[in-house]
PDB file of N, CA and C in Angstrom:
ATOM      1  N   VAL A   1      26.417 -19.078 -14.709  1.00  0.00           N
ATOM      2  CA  VAL A   1      25.676 -18.874 -13.575  1.00  0.00           C
ATOM      3  C   VAL A   1      24.257 -18.500 -13.944  1.00  0.00           C
ATOM      4  N   ASN A   2      24.068 -17.818 -15.141  1.00  0.00           N
ATOM      5  CA  ASN A   2      22.729 -17.364 -15.575  1.00  0.00           C
ATOM      6  C   ASN A   2      21.931 -18.640 -15.944  1.00  0.00           C
ATOM      7  N   ALA A   3      22.465 -19.821 -16.463  1.00  0.00           N
ATOM      8  CA  ALA A   3      21.796 -21.004 -16.670  1.00  0.00           C
ATOM      9  C   ALA A   3      21.203 -21.582 -15.312  1.00  0.00           C
ATOM     10  N   VAL A   4      21.900 -21.546 -14.312  1.00  0.00           N
ATOM     11  CA  VAL A   4      21.314 -21.940 -12.952  1.00  0.00           C
ATOM     12  C   VAL A   4      20.248 -21.033 -12.477  1.00  0.00           C
ATOM     13  N   ALA A   5      20.493 -19.696 -12.592  1.00  0.00           N
ATOM     14  CA  ALA A   5      19.475 -18.829 -12.262  1.00  0.00           C
ATOM     15  C   ALA A   5      18.190 -18.790 -13.030  1.00  0.00           C
ATOM     16  N   ASN A   6      18.248 -19.159 -14.228  1.00  0.00           N
ATOM     17  CA  ASN A   6      17.163 -19.229 -15.212  1.00  0.00           C
ATOM     18  C   ASN A   6      16.222 -20.488 -14.972  1.00  0.00           C
ATOM     19  N   VAL A   7      16.701 -21.380 -14.046  1.00  0.00           N
ATOM     20  CA  VAL A   7      15.877 -22.590 -13.750  1.00  0.00           C
ATOM     21  C   VAL A   7      14.664 -22.105 -13.036  1.00  0.00           C
ATOM     22  N   LEU A   8      14.436 -20.845 -12.364  1.00  0.00           N
ATOM     23  CA  LEU A   8      13.325 -20.385 -11.713  1.00  0.00           C
ATOM     24  C   LEU A   8      12.644 -19.310 -12.502  1.00  0.00           C
ATOM     25  N   GLY A   9      11.458 -19.277 -12.712  1.00  0.00           N
ATOM     26  CA  GLY A   9      10.704 -18.364 -13.427  1.00  0.00           C
ATOM     27  C   GLY A   9      10.437 -17.162 -12.569  1.00  0.00           C
ATOM     28  N   PRO A  10       9.912 -16.065 -12.909  1.00  0.00           N
ATOM     29  CA  PRO A  10       9.722 -14.748 -12.012  1.00  0.00           C
ATOM     30  C   PRO A  10       8.842 -14.864 -10.812  1.00  0.00           C
ATOM     31  N   LYS A  11       8.007 -15.990 -10.801  1.00  0.00           N
ATOM     32  CA  LYS A  11       7.202 -16.243  -9.719  1.00  0.00           C
ATOM     33  C   LYS A  11       7.742 -17.327  -8.754  1.00  0.00           C
ATOM     34  N   GLY A  12       8.963 -17.767  -9.122  1.00  0.00           N
ATOM     35  CA  GLY A  12       9.608 -18.639  -8.275  1.00  0.00           C
ATOM     36  C   GLY A  12       9.382 -20.223  -8.778  1.00  0.00           C
ATOM     37  N   GLU A  13       8.583 -20.456  -9.789  1.00  0.00           N
ATOM     38  CA  GLU A  13       8.158 -21.781 -10.306  1.00  0.00           C
ATOM     39  C   GLU A  13       9.477 -22.281 -11.087  1.00  0.00           C
ATOM     40  N   LYS A  14       9.562 -23.630 -11.020  1.00  0.00           N
ATOM     41  CA  LYS A  14      10.747 -24.264 -11.694  1.00  0.00           C
ATOM     42  C   LYS A  14      10.303 -24.379 -13.263  1.00  0.00           C
ATOM     43  N   THR A  15      11.251 -23.884 -14.086  1.00  0.00           N
ATOM     44  CA  THR A  15      10.969 -23.794 -15.409  1.00  0.00           C
ATOM     45  C   THR A  15      11.897 -24.707 -16.343  1.00  0.00           C
ATOM     46  N   ALA A  16      12.901 -25.273 -15.667  1.00  0.00           N
ATOM     47  CA  ALA A  16      13.886 -26.254 -16.140  1.00  0.00           C
ATOM     48  C   ALA A  16      14.476 -27.219 -15.164  1.00  0.00           C
ATOM     49  N   ASP A  17      15.203 -28.174 -15.718  1.00  0.00           N
ATOM     50  CA  ASP A  17      15.798 -29.188 -14.711  1.00  0.00           C
ATOM     51  C   ASP A  17      16.981 -28.560 -14.158  1.00  0.00           C
ATOM     52  N   PRO A  18      17.092 -28.315 -12.784  1.00  0.00           N
ATOM     53  CA  PRO A  18      18.178 -27.782 -12.132  1.00  0.00           C
ATOM     54  C   PRO A  18      19.421 -28.595 -12.311  1.00  0.00           C
ATOM     55  N   ALA A  19      19.376 -30.064 -12.400  1.00  0.00           N
ATOM     56  CA  ALA A  19      20.564 -30.760 -12.602  1.00  0.00           C
ATOM     57  C   ALA A  19      21.095 -30.545 -13.945  1.00  0.00           C
ATOM     58  N   GLU A  20      20.278 -30.398 -14.961  1.00  0.00           N
ATOM     59  CA  GLU A  20      20.687 -30.102 -16.283  1.00  0.00           C
ATOM     60  C   GLU A  20      21.477 -28.777 -16.413  1.00  0.00           C
ATOM     61  N   ALA A  21      20.922 -27.818 -15.723  1.00  0.00           N
ATOM     62  CA  ALA A  21      21.545 -26.404 -15.554  1.00  0.00           C
ATOM     63  C   ALA A  21      22.958 -26.501 -14.964  1.00  0.00           C
ATOM     64  N   VAL A  22      23.068 -27.244 -13.962  1.00  0.00           N
ATOM     65  CA  VAL A  22      24.372 -27.387 -13.195  1.00  0.00           C
ATOM     66  C   VAL A  22      25.350 -28.067 -14.208  1.00  0.00           C
ATOM     67  N   ALA A  23      24.780 -29.125 -14.813  1.00  0.00           N
ATOM     68  CA  ALA A  23      25.727 -29.883 -15.733  1.00  0.00           C
ATOM     69  C   ALA A  23      26.297 -29.013 -16.764  1.00  0.00           C
ATOM     70  N   THR A  24      25.298 -28.207 -17.307  1.00  0.00           N
ATOM     71  CA  THR A  24      25.820 -27.262 -18.437  1.00  0.00           C
ATOM     72  C   THR A  24      26.729 -26.206 -17.940  1.00  0.00           C
ATOM     73  N   LEU A  25      26.697 -25.794 -16.681  1.00  0.00           N
ATOM     74  CA  LEU A  25      27.672 -24.854 -16.059  1.00  0.00           C
ATOM     75  C   LEU A  25      28.981 -25.530 -15.780  1.00  0.00           C
ATOM     76  N   VAL A  26      28.963 -26.808 -15.287  1.00  0.00           N
ATOM     77  CA  VAL A  26      30.186 -27.418 -15.126  1.00  0.00           C
ATOM     78  C   VAL A  26      30.896 -27.675 -16.340  1.00  0.00           C
ATOM     79  N   SER A  27      30.190 -28.049 -17.437  1.00  0.00           N
ATOM     80  CA  SER A  27      30.667 -28.348 -18.661  1.00  0.00           C
ATOM     81  C   SER A  27      31.384 -27.102 -19.296  1.00  0.00           C
ATOM     82  N   GLY A  28      30.706 -26.012 -19.192  1.00  0.00           N
ATOM     83  CA  GLY A  28      31.270 -24.808 -19.683  1.00  0.00           C
ATOM     84  C   GLY A  28      32.674 -24.408 -18.879  1.00  0.00           C
ATOM     85  N   LEU A  29      32.515 -24.502 -17.635  1.00  0.00           N
ATOM     86  CA  LEU A  29      33.736 -24.189 -16.753  1.00  0.00           C
ATOM     87  C   LEU A  29      34.920 -25.098 -17.294  1.00  0.00           C
ATOM     88  N   ALA A  30      34.619 -26.452 -17.406  1.00  0.00           N
ATOM     89  CA  ALA A  30      35.779 -27.395 -17.783  1.00  0.00           C
ATOM     90  C   ALA A  30      36.248 -27.094 -19.216  1.00  0.00           C
ATOM     91  N   GLN A  31      35.366 -26.613 -20.091  1.00  0.00           N
ATOM     92  CA  GLN A  31      35.727 -26.167 -21.462  1.00  0.00           C
ATOM     93  C   GLN A  31      36.810 -25.008 -21.364  1.00  0.00           C
ATOM     94  N   GLY A  32      36.410 -24.066 -20.484  1.00  0.00           N
ATOM     95  CA  GLY A  32      37.145 -22.780 -20.209  1.00  0.00           C
ATOM     96  C   GLY A  32      38.566 -23.181 -19.786  1.00  0.00           C
ATOM     97  N   VAL A  33      38.709 -24.002 -18.775  1.00  0.00           N
ATOM     98  CA  VAL A  33      39.839 -24.462 -18.164  1.00  0.00           C
ATOM     99  C   VAL A  33      40.712 -25.202 -19.172  1.00  0.00           C
ATOM    100  N   ARG A  34      40.056 -26.060 -19.981  1.00  0.00           N
ATOM    101  CA  ARG A  34      40.847 -26.832 -21.064  1.00  0.00           C
ATOM    102  C   ARG A  34      41.432 -25.674 -22.007  1.00  0.00           C
ATOM    103  N   SER A  35      40.723 -24.917 -22.363  1.00  0.00           N
ATOM    104  CA  SER A  35      41.248 -23.760 -23.413  1.00  0.00           C
ATOM    105  C   SER A  35      42.392 -23.058 -22.946  1.00  0.00           C
ATOM    106  N   ALA A  36      42.323 -22.622 -21.548  1.00  0.00           N
ATOM    107  CA  ALA A  36      43.230 -21.940 -20.946  1.00  0.00           C
ATOM    108  C   ALA A  36      44.585 -22.605 -20.881  1.00  0.00           C
ATOM    109  N   ARG A  37      44.486 -23.934 -20.507  1.00  0.00           N
ATOM    110  CA  ARG A  37      45.660 -24.822 -20.443  1.00  0.00           C
ATOM    111  C   ARG A  37      46.234 -24.971 -21.813  1.00  0.00           C
ATOM    112  N   LEU A  38      45.414 -25.248 -22.716  1.00  0.00           N
ATOM    113  CA  LEU A  38      46.095 -25.441 -24.233  1.00  0.00           C
ATOM    114  C   LEU A  38      46.760 -24.073 -24.611  1.00  0.00           C
ATOM    115  N   ALA A  39      46.252 -22.904 -24.293  1.00  0.00           N
ATOM    116  CA  ALA A  39      46.776 -21.668 -24.804  1.00  0.00           C
ATOM    117  C   ALA A  39      48.095 -21.526 -23.844  1.00  0.00           C
ATOM    118  N   ALA A  40      48.050 -21.900 -22.668  1.00  0.00           N
ATOM    119  CA  ALA A  40      49.255 -21.636 -21.984  1.00  0.00           C
ATOM    120  C   ALA A  40      50.400 -22.594 -22.470  1.00  0.00           C
ATOM    121  N   ALA A  41      50.120 -23.690 -22.910  1.00  0.00           N
ATOM    122  CA  ALA A  41      51.101 -24.693 -23.349  1.00  0.00           C
ATOM    123  C   ALA A  41      51.705 -24.287 -24.581  1.00  0.00           C
ATOM    124  N   GLU A  42      51.098 -23.404 -25.338  1.00  0.00           N
ATOM    125  CA  GLU A  42      51.703 -23.004 -26.662  1.00  0.00           C
ATOM    126  C   GLU A  42      52.844 -21.923 -26.657  1.00  0.00           C
TER     127      GLU A  42
END
């Protein structure tokens, strides 16, 4: 979530690509779900 929040600077200006931030967030969530499923299967 911080990756998405950090897209905006302190004055509200865009400092990074919002789409890239969302892609990073989704990728991290998917990795966490994958890890949890593998741990549960063991």
